[in-house]
Amino acid sequence: MPSIDTILAVALAGLALSATPGPSMLYVLSRSVGQSRAAGLASAVGLALGGVVLAVATALGLAALFAAVGWLVPVLRIAGSLYLVWLGIGLIREAHATADADLAVHAVSSDPPARILWQGIWVEVLNPKTVLFFALFLPPFVEAGAGPTWLQLLVLGALVPLTAVPSDLIVAWMGGSAAERLRHSRPARLALAWTGGIVLLLIAANIHLGLV
């Protein structure tokens, strides 16, 4: 099993990403505002389940690769930390670039909750950016002697969608009021982006420097 420090680092990174306005948040928001609060909640649950499915698939695939190619672990550790740096800087830069623009939330078709749930699962599973995130985000946190590689990857991978659940549920529940606040509050959007970006940069530095 991963250490408590590793679990906390991954959970913190997941929270930092999920709390920053992005495609997943807008997807939940569109369902909540464009259809109903229940639709928003169903979409949030669907995204989380899709993330768990993707975490399982990614963990098993990476574990097989690690077993076959020994040098892949240190290479992906470096690539993963650089990816976190790129994500952190990107969050801040994108927030400043779009700070004065309104978040686009459009009306959507009225679908039953079960269908929305499945849509959320497929949206997450078939998102190439999400697949890339799992493939590069998880390897830096694999620890030698902390148990089977697949189990470490599975536990850490499951943390990513699970940490997104609280923010997605809040957005779905608040619906229109959340949309209005995020649309018109430039300081709030910048503060979220800076907080998330700095957290990711610190985690990337800690991977190699062992700051905590």
N, C-alpha and C. Protein backbone atom coordinates (compact mmCIF):
# COMPACT_ATOMS: atom_id res chain seq x y z
N MET A 1 0.84 -1.21 0.00
CA MET A 1 0.00 0.00 0.00
C MET A 1 0.87 1.25 0.00
N PRO A 2 0.43 2.30 -0.69
CA PRO A 2 1.19 3.56 -0.65
C PRO A 2 1.24 4.12 0.76
N SER A 3 2.28 4.90 1.03
CA SER A 3 2.41 5.53 2.34
C SER A 3 1.36 6.63 2.51
N ILE A 4 1.14 7.02 3.76
CA ILE A 4 0.18 8.08 4.05
C ILE A 4 0.59 9.38 3.37
N ASP A 5 1.89 9.68 3.37
CA ASP A 5 2.37 10.90 2.71
C ASP A 5 2.02 10.91 1.23
N THR A 6 2.20 9.76 0.57
CA THR A 6 1.90 9.65 -0.85
C THR A 6 0.40 9.80 -1.10
N ILE A 7 -0.40 9.15 -0.28
CA ILE A 7 -1.86 9.24 -0.42
C ILE A 7 -2.32 10.69 -0.25
N LEU A 8 -1.76 11.39 0.74
CA LEU A 8 -2.14 12.78 0.97
C LEU A 8 -1.72 13.66 -0.20
N ALA A 9 -0.53 13.40 -0.76
CA ALA A 9 -0.05 14.20 -1.89
C ALA A 9 -0.95 14.03 -3.10
N VAL A 10 -1.32 12.80 -3.41
CA VAL A 10 -2.20 12.53 -4.56
C VAL A 10 -3.59 13.12 -4.32
N ALA A 11 -4.11 12.97 -3.11
CA ALA A 11 -5.43 13.52 -2.80
C ALA A 11 -5.41 15.04 -2.91
N LEU A 12 -4.33 15.67 -2.45
CA LEU A 12 -4.21 17.12 -2.52
C LEU A 12 -4.13 17.60 -3.97
N ALA A 13 -3.39 16.86 -4.78
CA ALA A 13 -3.30 17.21 -6.21
C ALA A 13 -4.66 17.06 -6.88
N GLY A 14 -5.38 15.99 -6.54
CA GLY A 14 -6.71 15.80 -7.11
C GLY A 14 -7.66 16.90 -6.72
N LEU A 15 -7.62 17.32 -5.47
CA LEU A 15 -8.47 18.41 -5.01
C LEU A 15 -8.12 19.72 -5.70
N ALA A 16 -6.82 19.97 -5.88
CA ALA A 16 -6.38 21.20 -6.53
C ALA A 16 -6.89 21.28 -7.96
N LEU A 17 -6.85 20.14 -8.66
CA LEU A 17 -7.32 20.12 -10.05
C LEU A 17 -8.84 20.21 -10.14
N SER A 18 -9.53 19.48 -9.27
CA SER A 18 -10.99 19.43 -9.36
C SER A 18 -11.65 20.73 -8.94
N ALA A 19 -10.98 21.50 -8.06
CA ALA A 19 -11.57 22.75 -7.58
C ALA A 19 -11.37 23.89 -8.56
N THR A 20 -10.55 23.67 -9.59
CA THR A 20 -10.29 24.71 -10.59
C THR A 20 -11.26 24.54 -11.76
N PRO A 21 -11.95 25.60 -12.19
CA PRO A 21 -12.89 25.48 -13.30
C PRO A 21 -12.25 24.86 -14.54
N GLY A 22 -12.89 23.85 -15.07
CA GLY A 22 -12.37 23.15 -16.24
C GLY A 22 -13.49 22.41 -16.94
N PRO A 23 -13.16 21.55 -17.94
CA PRO A 23 -14.17 20.85 -18.73
C PRO A 23 -15.14 20.02 -17.89
N SER A 24 -14.62 19.28 -16.90
CA SER A 24 -15.51 18.44 -16.08
C SER A 24 -16.49 19.28 -15.28
N MET A 25 -15.99 20.36 -14.69
CA MET A 25 -16.86 21.24 -13.92
C MET A 25 -17.93 21.86 -14.81
N LEU A 26 -17.54 22.28 -16.01
CA LEU A 26 -18.50 22.87 -16.94
C LEU A 26 -19.53 21.85 -17.41
N TYR A 27 -19.10 20.59 -17.55
CA TYR A 27 -20.03 19.54 -17.95
C TYR A 27 -21.12 19.36 -16.88
N VAL A 28 -20.71 19.28 -15.62
CA VAL A 28 -21.66 19.15 -14.52
C VAL A 28 -22.53 20.39 -14.42
N LEU A 29 -21.92 21.55 -14.59
CA LEU A 29 -22.64 22.81 -14.49
C LEU A 29 -23.69 22.93 -15.59
N SER A 30 -23.33 22.50 -16.80
CA SER A 30 -24.27 22.56 -17.92
C SER A 30 -25.49 21.68 -17.65
N ARG A 31 -25.25 20.51 -17.09
CA ARG A 31 -26.36 19.62 -16.77
C ARG A 31 -27.25 20.21 -15.67
N SER A 32 -26.61 20.80 -14.68
CA SER A 32 -27.36 21.34 -13.55
C SER A 32 -28.17 22.56 -13.96
N VAL A 33 -27.51 23.48 -14.70
CA VAL A 33 -28.18 24.71 -15.11
C VAL A 33 -29.12 24.45 -16.28
N GLY A 34 -28.67 23.63 -17.25
CA GLY A 34 -29.45 23.41 -18.47
C GLY A 34 -30.60 22.46 -18.31
N GLN A 35 -30.57 21.60 -17.26
CA GLN A 35 -31.66 20.64 -17.09
C GLN A 35 -32.22 20.69 -15.67
N SER A 36 -31.46 20.18 -14.69
CA SER A 36 -31.95 20.18 -13.31
C SER A 36 -30.81 19.85 -12.35
N ARG A 37 -31.06 20.08 -11.07
CA ARG A 37 -30.06 19.74 -10.05
C ARG A 37 -29.80 18.23 -10.06
N ALA A 38 -30.87 17.41 -10.20
CA ALA A 38 -30.71 15.96 -10.22
C ALA A 38 -29.83 15.52 -11.39
N ALA A 39 -30.00 16.19 -12.54
CA ALA A 39 -29.18 15.86 -13.71
C ALA A 39 -27.71 16.20 -13.45
N GLY A 40 -27.48 17.31 -12.77
CA GLY A 40 -26.11 17.68 -12.42
C GLY A 40 -25.48 16.67 -11.48
N LEU A 41 -26.25 16.22 -10.49
CA LEU A 41 -25.74 15.22 -9.55
C LEU A 41 -25.45 13.90 -10.26
N ALA A 42 -26.32 13.50 -11.18
CA ALA A 42 -26.11 12.26 -11.93
C ALA A 42 -24.86 12.35 -12.79
N SER A 43 -24.63 13.51 -13.40
CA SER A 43 -23.44 13.68 -14.23
C SER A 43 -22.17 13.64 -13.39
N ALA A 44 -22.23 14.20 -12.18
CA ALA A 44 -21.07 14.18 -11.29
C ALA A 44 -20.73 12.75 -10.87
N VAL A 45 -21.75 11.96 -10.54
CA VAL A 45 -21.53 10.57 -10.17
C VAL A 45 -20.99 9.78 -11.37
N GLY A 46 -21.52 10.06 -12.55
CA GLY A 46 -21.05 9.38 -13.76
C GLY A 46 -19.58 9.65 -14.04
N LEU A 47 -19.16 10.90 -13.90
CA LEU A 47 -17.76 11.24 -14.10
C LEU A 47 -16.86 10.51 -13.09
N ALA A 48 -17.32 10.43 -11.83
CA ALA A 48 -16.53 9.75 -10.81
C ALA A 48 -16.39 8.26 -11.12
N LEU A 49 -17.49 7.62 -11.52
CA LEU A 49 -17.43 6.19 -11.87
C LEU A 49 -16.55 5.96 -13.08
N GLY A 50 -16.63 6.86 -14.06
CA GLY A 50 -15.76 6.75 -15.23
C GLY A 50 -14.29 6.88 -14.84
N GLY A 51 -14.01 7.76 -13.89
CA GLY A 51 -12.65 7.92 -13.41
C GLY A 51 -12.14 6.67 -12.72
N VAL A 52 -13.02 6.00 -11.95
CA VAL A 52 -12.62 4.76 -11.27
C VAL A 52 -12.33 3.67 -12.30
N VAL A 53 -13.18 3.55 -13.31
CA VAL A 53 -12.95 2.56 -14.38
C VAL A 53 -11.61 2.83 -15.06
N LEU A 54 -11.36 4.09 -15.36
CA LEU A 54 -10.11 4.46 -16.02
C LEU A 54 -8.91 4.21 -15.11
N ALA A 55 -9.09 4.44 -13.81
CA ALA A 55 -8.00 4.19 -12.86
C ALA A 55 -7.64 2.71 -12.83
N VAL A 56 -8.65 1.84 -12.84
CA VAL A 56 -8.40 0.40 -12.84
C VAL A 56 -7.66 -0.02 -14.11
N ALA A 57 -8.17 0.43 -15.26
CA ALA A 57 -7.54 0.06 -16.53
C ALA A 57 -6.11 0.58 -16.63
N THR A 58 -5.92 1.82 -16.22
CA THR A 58 -4.58 2.41 -16.29
C THR A 58 -3.62 1.72 -15.35
N ALA A 59 -4.08 1.42 -14.13
CA ALA A 59 -3.22 0.77 -13.14
C ALA A 59 -2.75 -0.59 -13.63
N LEU A 60 -3.67 -1.39 -14.16
CA LEU A 60 -3.29 -2.72 -14.64
C LEU A 60 -2.36 -2.63 -15.84
N GLY A 61 -2.63 -1.67 -16.73
CA GLY A 61 -1.77 -1.52 -17.91
C GLY A 61 -0.38 -1.04 -17.55
N LEU A 62 -0.28 -0.06 -16.65
CA LEU A 62 1.02 0.45 -16.25
C LEU A 62 1.80 -0.60 -15.47
N ALA A 63 1.11 -1.37 -14.63
CA ALA A 63 1.79 -2.42 -13.87
C ALA A 63 2.43 -3.44 -14.80
N ALA A 64 1.70 -3.79 -15.87
CA ALA A 64 2.26 -4.75 -16.83
C ALA A 64 3.47 -4.16 -17.54
N LEU A 65 3.40 -2.88 -17.88
CA LEU A 65 4.53 -2.22 -18.53
C LEU A 65 5.73 -2.15 -17.60
N PHE A 66 5.49 -1.82 -16.35
CA PHE A 66 6.58 -1.72 -15.38
C PHE A 66 7.29 -3.06 -15.22
N ALA A 67 6.51 -4.14 -15.22
CA ALA A 67 7.09 -5.47 -15.06
C ALA A 67 7.92 -5.86 -16.28
N ALA A 68 7.50 -5.40 -17.46
CA ALA A 68 8.19 -5.78 -18.70
C ALA A 68 9.39 -4.89 -19.00
N VAL A 69 9.30 -3.62 -18.60
CA VAL A 69 10.35 -2.65 -18.94
C VAL A 69 10.81 -1.97 -17.65
N GLY A 70 11.92 -2.42 -17.09
CA GLY A 70 12.37 -1.93 -15.80
C GLY A 70 12.74 -0.46 -15.77
N TRP A 71 13.32 0.05 -16.87
CA TRP A 71 13.78 1.43 -16.89
C TRP A 71 12.64 2.43 -17.07
N LEU A 72 11.42 1.92 -17.29
CA LEU A 72 10.29 2.82 -17.56
C LEU A 72 9.87 3.60 -16.32
N VAL A 73 10.06 3.01 -15.14
CA VAL A 73 9.62 3.66 -13.90
C VAL A 73 10.34 4.99 -13.66
N PRO A 74 11.69 5.02 -13.65
CA PRO A 74 12.36 6.32 -13.43
C PRO A 74 12.08 7.33 -14.53
N VAL A 75 11.93 6.85 -15.77
CA VAL A 75 11.64 7.77 -16.87
C VAL A 75 10.26 8.42 -16.68
N LEU A 76 9.27 7.60 -16.33
CA LEU A 76 7.93 8.14 -16.12
C LEU A 76 7.86 8.99 -14.86
N ARG A 77 8.74 8.72 -13.90
CA ARG A 77 8.77 9.55 -12.69
C ARG A 77 9.17 10.99 -13.06
N ILE A 78 10.19 11.10 -13.91
CA ILE A 78 10.63 12.43 -14.36
C ILE A 78 9.56 13.07 -15.24
N ALA A 79 9.01 12.27 -16.19
CA ALA A 79 7.98 12.80 -17.08
C ALA A 79 6.75 13.23 -16.30
N GLY A 80 6.39 12.46 -15.28
CA GLY A 80 5.22 12.79 -14.48
C GLY A 80 5.38 14.07 -13.69
N SER A 81 6.57 14.26 -13.10
CA SER A 81 6.79 15.49 -12.34
C SER A 81 6.81 16.71 -13.26
N LEU A 82 7.41 16.54 -14.45
CA LEU A 82 7.39 17.64 -15.42
C LEU A 82 5.96 17.94 -15.88
N TYR A 83 5.16 16.89 -15.98
CA TYR A 83 3.75 17.06 -16.37
C TYR A 83 3.00 17.85 -15.31
N LEU A 84 3.28 17.58 -14.03
CA LEU A 84 2.65 18.34 -12.96
C LEU A 84 3.05 19.81 -13.02
N VAL A 85 4.33 20.07 -13.33
CA VAL A 85 4.79 21.46 -13.49
C VAL A 85 4.04 22.13 -14.63
N TRP A 86 3.90 21.42 -15.74
CA TRP A 86 3.20 21.96 -16.91
C TRP A 86 1.73 22.23 -16.58
N LEU A 87 1.10 21.31 -15.83
CA LEU A 87 -0.29 21.51 -15.43
C LEU A 87 -0.43 22.72 -14.51
N GLY A 88 0.48 22.82 -13.54
CA GLY A 88 0.41 23.93 -12.59
C GLY A 88 0.55 25.28 -13.25
N ILE A 89 1.56 25.40 -14.12
CA ILE A 89 1.77 26.66 -14.84
C ILE A 89 0.60 26.93 -15.78
N GLY A 90 0.11 25.84 -16.41
CA GLY A 90 -1.01 25.99 -17.34
C GLY A 90 -2.27 26.49 -16.67
N LEU A 91 -2.56 26.01 -15.45
CA LEU A 91 -3.73 26.47 -14.72
C LEU A 91 -3.68 27.98 -14.51
N ILE A 92 -2.52 28.46 -14.10
CA ILE A 92 -2.36 29.89 -13.81
C ILE A 92 -2.44 30.72 -15.09
N ARG A 93 -1.74 30.28 -16.13
CA ARG A 93 -1.73 31.03 -17.39
C ARG A 93 -3.12 31.08 -18.02
N GLU A 94 -3.80 29.94 -18.02
CA GLU A 94 -5.14 29.89 -18.63
C GLU A 94 -6.13 30.75 -17.85
N ALA A 95 -5.99 30.75 -16.53
CA ALA A 95 -6.89 31.58 -15.72
C ALA A 95 -6.72 33.05 -16.04
N HIS A 96 -5.49 33.51 -16.20
CA HIS A 96 -5.25 34.91 -16.52
C HIS A 96 -5.72 35.23 -17.95
N ALA A 97 -5.57 34.26 -18.85
CA ALA A 97 -5.97 34.49 -20.24
C ALA A 97 -7.48 34.58 -20.39
N THR A 98 -8.21 33.86 -19.53
CA THR A 98 -9.67 33.81 -19.66
C THR A 98 -10.39 34.50 -18.49
N ALA A 99 -9.65 35.23 -17.69
CA ALA A 99 -10.24 35.82 -16.48
C ALA A 99 -11.39 36.77 -16.79
N ASP A 100 -11.31 37.46 -17.91
CA ASP A 100 -12.34 38.44 -18.24
C ASP A 100 -13.44 37.87 -19.13
N ALA A 101 -13.35 36.57 -19.43
CA ALA A 101 -14.37 35.94 -20.27
C ALA A 101 -15.36 35.19 -19.40
N ASP A 102 -16.60 35.14 -19.85
CA ASP A 102 -17.63 34.41 -19.13
C ASP A 102 -17.48 32.92 -19.41
N LEU A 103 -17.77 32.09 -18.39
CA LEU A 103 -17.80 30.65 -18.60
C LEU A 103 -19.06 30.31 -19.40
N ALA A 104 -18.87 29.57 -20.48
CA ALA A 104 -19.99 29.24 -21.35
C ALA A 104 -20.74 28.03 -20.81
N VAL A 105 -21.97 28.23 -20.40
CA VAL A 105 -22.82 27.15 -19.92
C VAL A 105 -24.07 27.14 -20.77
N HIS A 106 -24.24 26.09 -21.55
CA HIS A 106 -25.33 26.04 -22.52
C HIS A 106 -26.45 25.10 -22.07
N ALA A 107 -27.62 25.32 -22.61
CA ALA A 107 -28.74 24.42 -22.34
C ALA A 107 -28.46 23.05 -22.97
N VAL A 108 -28.94 22.00 -22.36
CA VAL A 108 -28.73 20.65 -22.86
C VAL A 108 -30.06 19.94 -22.98
N SER A 109 -30.06 18.80 -23.70
CA SER A 109 -31.29 18.03 -23.86
C SER A 109 -31.69 17.42 -22.52
N SER A 110 -32.99 17.23 -22.35
CA SER A 110 -33.51 16.66 -21.10
C SER A 110 -33.45 15.14 -21.18
N ASP A 111 -32.57 14.53 -20.38
CA ASP A 111 -32.41 13.08 -20.38
C ASP A 111 -32.68 12.52 -18.99
N PRO A 112 -33.08 11.25 -18.91
CA PRO A 112 -33.31 10.63 -17.59
C PRO A 112 -31.97 10.45 -16.86
N PRO A 113 -32.01 10.39 -15.52
CA PRO A 113 -30.78 10.28 -14.73
C PRO A 113 -29.89 9.11 -15.12
N ALA A 114 -30.50 7.94 -15.41
CA ALA A 114 -29.70 6.76 -15.76
C ALA A 114 -28.87 7.01 -17.02
N ARG A 115 -29.47 7.67 -17.99
CA ARG A 115 -28.76 7.95 -19.23
C ARG A 115 -27.64 8.97 -18.99
N ILE A 116 -27.93 9.96 -18.17
CA ILE A 116 -26.91 10.96 -17.85
C ILE A 116 -25.73 10.31 -17.12
N LEU A 117 -26.03 9.36 -16.23
CA LEU A 117 -25.00 8.64 -15.50
C LEU A 117 -24.06 7.92 -16.47
N TRP A 118 -24.63 7.21 -17.43
CA TRP A 118 -23.82 6.50 -18.40
C TRP A 118 -23.03 7.46 -19.29
N GLN A 119 -23.67 8.58 -19.64
CA GLN A 119 -22.96 9.57 -20.44
C GLN A 119 -21.74 10.09 -19.70
N GLY A 120 -21.91 10.34 -18.41
CA GLY A 120 -20.79 10.82 -17.61
C GLY A 120 -19.64 9.82 -17.58
N ILE A 121 -19.98 8.54 -17.45
CA ILE A 121 -18.96 7.49 -17.44
C ILE A 121 -18.18 7.49 -18.75
N TRP A 122 -18.91 7.53 -19.87
CA TRP A 122 -18.25 7.47 -21.17
C TRP A 122 -17.47 8.75 -21.48
N VAL A 123 -17.99 9.87 -21.04
CA VAL A 123 -17.26 11.14 -21.24
C VAL A 123 -15.89 11.07 -20.59
N GLU A 124 -15.83 10.50 -19.38
CA GLU A 124 -14.56 10.42 -18.66
C GLU A 124 -13.65 9.35 -19.25
N VAL A 125 -14.20 8.18 -19.55
CA VAL A 125 -13.39 7.06 -20.05
C VAL A 125 -12.79 7.34 -21.42
N LEU A 126 -13.55 8.03 -22.27
CA LEU A 126 -13.12 8.26 -23.66
C LEU A 126 -12.39 9.60 -23.85
N ASN A 127 -12.09 10.29 -22.76
CA ASN A 127 -11.40 11.57 -22.86
C ASN A 127 -9.89 11.33 -22.95
N PRO A 128 -9.25 11.60 -24.10
CA PRO A 128 -7.81 11.35 -24.24
C PRO A 128 -6.97 12.12 -23.22
N LYS A 129 -7.38 13.32 -22.87
CA LYS A 129 -6.63 14.11 -21.90
C LYS A 129 -6.66 13.46 -20.52
N THR A 130 -7.79 12.84 -20.18
CA THR A 130 -7.89 12.16 -18.89
C THR A 130 -7.00 10.92 -18.87
N VAL A 131 -6.99 10.17 -19.98
CA VAL A 131 -6.13 8.99 -20.09
C VAL A 131 -4.66 9.40 -19.94
N LEU A 132 -4.26 10.47 -20.61
CA LEU A 132 -2.89 10.95 -20.50
C LEU A 132 -2.57 11.39 -19.08
N PHE A 133 -3.53 12.02 -18.43
CA PHE A 133 -3.32 12.47 -17.06
C PHE A 133 -3.02 11.28 -16.14
N PHE A 134 -3.81 10.23 -16.24
CA PHE A 134 -3.57 9.06 -15.40
C PHE A 134 -2.23 8.41 -15.72
N ALA A 135 -1.90 8.32 -17.01
CA ALA A 135 -0.66 7.63 -17.40
C ALA A 135 0.58 8.37 -16.92
N LEU A 136 0.53 9.70 -16.84
CA LEU A 136 1.70 10.47 -16.43
C LEU A 136 1.65 10.90 -14.98
N PHE A 137 0.46 10.97 -14.41
CA PHE A 137 0.32 11.46 -13.04
C PHE A 137 0.66 10.40 -12.00
N LEU A 138 0.27 9.15 -12.24
CA LEU A 138 0.43 8.11 -11.23
C LEU A 138 1.86 7.60 -11.03
N PRO A 139 2.64 7.36 -12.10
CA PRO A 139 3.96 6.74 -11.92
C PRO A 139 4.90 7.42 -10.93
N PRO A 140 4.97 8.76 -10.84
CA PRO A 140 5.91 9.36 -9.89
C PRO A 140 5.66 8.98 -8.43
N PHE A 141 4.46 8.47 -8.13
CA PHE A 141 4.12 8.17 -6.75
C PHE A 141 4.28 6.69 -6.39
N VAL A 142 4.73 5.88 -7.35
CA VAL A 142 4.96 4.47 -7.07
C VAL A 142 6.23 4.33 -6.22
N GLU A 143 6.13 3.62 -5.10
CA GLU A 143 7.24 3.49 -4.16
C GLU A 143 7.76 2.05 -4.13
N ALA A 144 9.08 1.91 -4.19
CA ALA A 144 9.68 0.59 -4.08
C ALA A 144 9.45 0.04 -2.68
N GLY A 145 9.04 -1.22 -2.61
CA GLY A 145 8.83 -1.86 -1.32
C GLY A 145 7.53 -1.50 -0.63
N ALA A 146 6.63 -0.80 -1.33
CA ALA A 146 5.36 -0.40 -0.72
C ALA A 146 4.22 -1.33 -1.14
N GLY A 147 4.57 -2.49 -1.69
CA GLY A 147 3.54 -3.43 -2.11
C GLY A 147 3.50 -3.58 -3.62
N PRO A 148 2.61 -4.44 -4.12
CA PRO A 148 2.51 -4.67 -5.56
C PRO A 148 2.26 -3.36 -6.32
N THR A 149 2.92 -3.22 -7.46
CA THR A 149 2.78 -1.99 -8.25
C THR A 149 1.34 -1.74 -8.64
N TRP A 150 0.65 -2.80 -9.05
CA TRP A 150 -0.73 -2.63 -9.52
C TRP A 150 -1.63 -2.13 -8.40
N LEU A 151 -1.37 -2.60 -7.17
CA LEU A 151 -2.21 -2.18 -6.05
C LEU A 151 -1.95 -0.71 -5.70
N GLN A 152 -0.69 -0.31 -5.72
CA GLN A 152 -0.38 1.10 -5.47
C GLN A 152 -1.05 2.00 -6.51
N LEU A 153 -0.92 1.61 -7.79
CA LEU A 153 -1.51 2.40 -8.86
C LEU A 153 -3.03 2.44 -8.75
N LEU A 154 -3.62 1.31 -8.34
CA LEU A 154 -5.07 1.26 -8.23
C LEU A 154 -5.58 2.17 -7.11
N VAL A 155 -4.92 2.10 -5.96
CA VAL A 155 -5.33 2.94 -4.82
C VAL A 155 -5.17 4.41 -5.15
N LEU A 156 -4.01 4.78 -5.71
CA LEU A 156 -3.75 6.18 -6.03
C LEU A 156 -4.64 6.66 -7.17
N GLY A 157 -4.86 5.79 -8.16
CA GLY A 157 -5.72 6.17 -9.28
C GLY A 157 -7.15 6.41 -8.86
N ALA A 158 -7.64 5.59 -7.92
CA ALA A 158 -9.01 5.76 -7.44
C ALA A 158 -9.18 7.05 -6.66
N LEU A 159 -8.10 7.53 -6.06
CA LEU A 159 -8.18 8.78 -5.30
C LEU A 159 -8.51 9.98 -6.20
N VAL A 160 -8.04 9.94 -7.44
CA VAL A 160 -8.22 11.09 -8.33
C VAL A 160 -9.69 11.39 -8.59
N PRO A 161 -10.49 10.42 -9.08
CA PRO A 161 -11.92 10.73 -9.25
C PRO A 161 -12.66 10.96 -7.95
N LEU A 162 -12.24 10.25 -6.89
CA LEU A 162 -12.93 10.40 -5.61
C LEU A 162 -12.75 11.80 -5.03
N THR A 163 -11.56 12.38 -5.22
CA THR A 163 -11.34 13.74 -4.71
C THR A 163 -12.09 14.78 -5.53
N ALA A 164 -12.50 14.41 -6.75
CA ALA A 164 -13.26 15.34 -7.58
C ALA A 164 -14.74 15.36 -7.21
N VAL A 165 -15.19 14.32 -6.52
CA VAL A 165 -16.61 14.20 -6.19
C VAL A 165 -17.13 15.39 -5.37
N PRO A 166 -16.45 15.82 -4.29
CA PRO A 166 -17.01 16.92 -3.50
C PRO A 166 -17.25 18.19 -4.30
N SER A 167 -16.25 18.62 -5.10
CA SER A 167 -16.42 19.87 -5.85
C SER A 167 -17.49 19.72 -6.93
N ASP A 168 -17.53 18.55 -7.60
CA ASP A 168 -18.55 18.34 -8.63
C ASP A 168 -19.96 18.33 -8.03
N LEU A 169 -20.11 17.71 -6.86
CA LEU A 169 -21.42 17.67 -6.21
C LEU A 169 -21.85 19.06 -5.75
N ILE A 170 -20.89 19.84 -5.26
CA ILE A 170 -21.20 21.22 -4.84
C ILE A 170 -21.67 22.04 -6.03
N VAL A 171 -20.96 21.91 -7.16
CA VAL A 171 -21.33 22.64 -8.37
C VAL A 171 -22.72 22.21 -8.84
N ALA A 172 -22.97 20.89 -8.83
CA ALA A 172 -24.28 20.38 -9.26
C ALA A 172 -25.38 20.87 -8.35
N TRP A 173 -25.13 20.90 -7.04
CA TRP A 173 -26.16 21.29 -6.08
C TRP A 173 -26.44 22.79 -6.15
N MET A 174 -25.37 23.58 -6.27
CA MET A 174 -25.56 25.03 -6.29
C MET A 174 -26.09 25.51 -7.63
N GLY A 175 -25.73 24.79 -8.68
CA GLY A 175 -26.27 25.09 -10.00
C GLY A 175 -26.06 26.50 -10.47
N GLY A 176 -27.16 27.19 -10.71
CA GLY A 176 -27.11 28.53 -11.28
C GLY A 176 -26.32 29.51 -10.45
N SER A 177 -26.45 29.46 -9.13
CA SER A 177 -25.72 30.40 -8.28
C SER A 177 -24.22 30.20 -8.41
N ALA A 178 -23.78 28.92 -8.52
CA ALA A 178 -22.36 28.65 -8.71
C ALA A 178 -21.89 29.20 -10.05
N ALA A 179 -22.73 29.02 -11.07
CA ALA A 179 -22.36 29.52 -12.39
C ALA A 179 -22.19 31.03 -12.39
N GLU A 180 -23.12 31.72 -11.77
CA GLU A 180 -23.05 33.18 -11.73
C GLU A 180 -21.80 33.66 -10.99
N ARG A 181 -21.48 33.02 -9.88
CA ARG A 181 -20.31 33.44 -9.12
C ARG A 181 -19.02 33.23 -9.91
N LEU A 182 -18.92 32.07 -10.57
CA LEU A 182 -17.71 31.79 -11.33
C LEU A 182 -17.63 32.65 -12.59
N ARG A 183 -18.76 32.96 -13.17
CA ARG A 183 -18.76 33.79 -14.38
C ARG A 183 -18.27 35.20 -14.11
N HIS A 184 -18.72 35.76 -13.00
CA HIS A 184 -18.51 37.19 -12.78
C HIS A 184 -17.44 37.52 -11.75
N SER A 185 -16.93 36.52 -11.04
CA SER A 185 -15.92 36.79 -10.01
C SER A 185 -14.52 36.48 -10.54
N ARG A 186 -13.90 37.49 -11.14
CA ARG A 186 -12.54 37.33 -11.64
C ARG A 186 -11.56 36.99 -10.53
N PRO A 187 -11.59 37.67 -9.37
CA PRO A 187 -10.66 37.33 -8.29
C PRO A 187 -10.80 35.89 -7.80
N ALA A 188 -12.04 35.39 -7.73
CA ALA A 188 -12.25 34.02 -7.25
C ALA A 188 -11.65 33.02 -8.21
N ARG A 189 -11.83 33.23 -9.50
CA ARG A 189 -11.29 32.31 -10.49
C ARG A 189 -9.77 32.35 -10.50
N LEU A 190 -9.20 33.52 -10.36
CA LEU A 190 -7.74 33.63 -10.31
C LEU A 190 -7.18 32.99 -9.03
N ALA A 191 -7.88 33.19 -7.93
CA ALA A 191 -7.41 32.61 -6.66
C ALA A 191 -7.43 31.08 -6.72
N LEU A 192 -8.49 30.51 -7.29
CA LEU A 192 -8.55 29.06 -7.43
C LEU A 192 -7.42 28.54 -8.30
N ALA A 193 -7.18 29.23 -9.42
CA ALA A 193 -6.13 28.79 -10.34
C ALA A 193 -4.75 28.89 -9.71
N TRP A 194 -4.47 30.00 -9.03
CA TRP A 194 -3.17 30.17 -8.38
C TRP A 194 -2.96 29.13 -7.28
N THR A 195 -4.00 28.89 -6.49
CA THR A 195 -3.89 27.89 -5.42
C THR A 195 -3.62 26.51 -6.00
N GLY A 196 -4.41 26.12 -6.99
CA GLY A 196 -4.22 24.82 -7.62
C GLY A 196 -2.87 24.69 -8.29
N GLY A 197 -2.45 25.73 -9.01
CA GLY A 197 -1.17 25.70 -9.70
C GLY A 197 0.00 25.57 -8.75
N ILE A 198 -0.02 26.34 -7.67
CA ILE A 198 1.08 26.29 -6.70
C ILE A 198 1.14 24.93 -6.00
N VAL A 199 -0.02 24.36 -5.69
CA VAL A 199 -0.05 23.03 -5.06
C VAL A 199 0.61 22.00 -5.97
N LEU A 200 0.28 22.03 -7.26
CA LEU A 200 0.85 21.07 -8.20
C LEU A 200 2.36 21.26 -8.34
N LEU A 201 2.81 22.51 -8.37
CA LEU A 201 4.25 22.79 -8.47
C LEU A 201 4.99 22.28 -7.23
N LEU A 202 4.41 22.48 -6.06
CA LEU A 202 5.04 22.01 -4.83
C LEU A 202 5.11 20.49 -4.78
N ILE A 203 4.05 19.83 -5.24
CA ILE A 203 4.05 18.37 -5.25
C ILE A 203 5.11 17.84 -6.23
N ALA A 204 5.23 18.49 -7.39
CA ALA A 204 6.25 18.09 -8.36
C ALA A 204 7.65 18.25 -7.77
N ALA A 205 7.88 19.35 -7.07
CA ALA A 205 9.19 19.57 -6.44
C ALA A 205 9.46 18.54 -5.34
N ASN A 206 8.41 18.19 -4.61
CA ASN A 206 8.58 17.25 -3.50
C ASN A 206 8.94 15.84 -3.98
N ILE A 207 8.50 15.49 -5.19
CA ILE A 207 8.80 14.17 -5.73
C ILE A 207 10.31 13.94 -5.79
N HIS A 208 11.06 14.97 -6.16
CA HIS A 208 12.51 14.83 -6.32
C HIS A 208 13.32 15.38 -5.14
N LEU A 209 12.78 16.37 -4.44
CA LEU A 209 13.55 17.01 -3.39
C LEU A 209 13.22 16.49 -2.00
N GLY A 210 12.08 15.82 -1.86
CA GLY A 210 11.68 15.30 -0.54
C GLY A 210 11.53 16.41 0.49
N LEU A 211 10.78 17.45 0.13
CA LEU A 211 10.62 18.60 1.02
C LEU A 211 9.85 18.24 2.28
N VAL A 212 8.87 17.36 2.15
CA VAL A 212 8.09 16.92 3.32
C VAL A 212 7.99 15.39 3.32
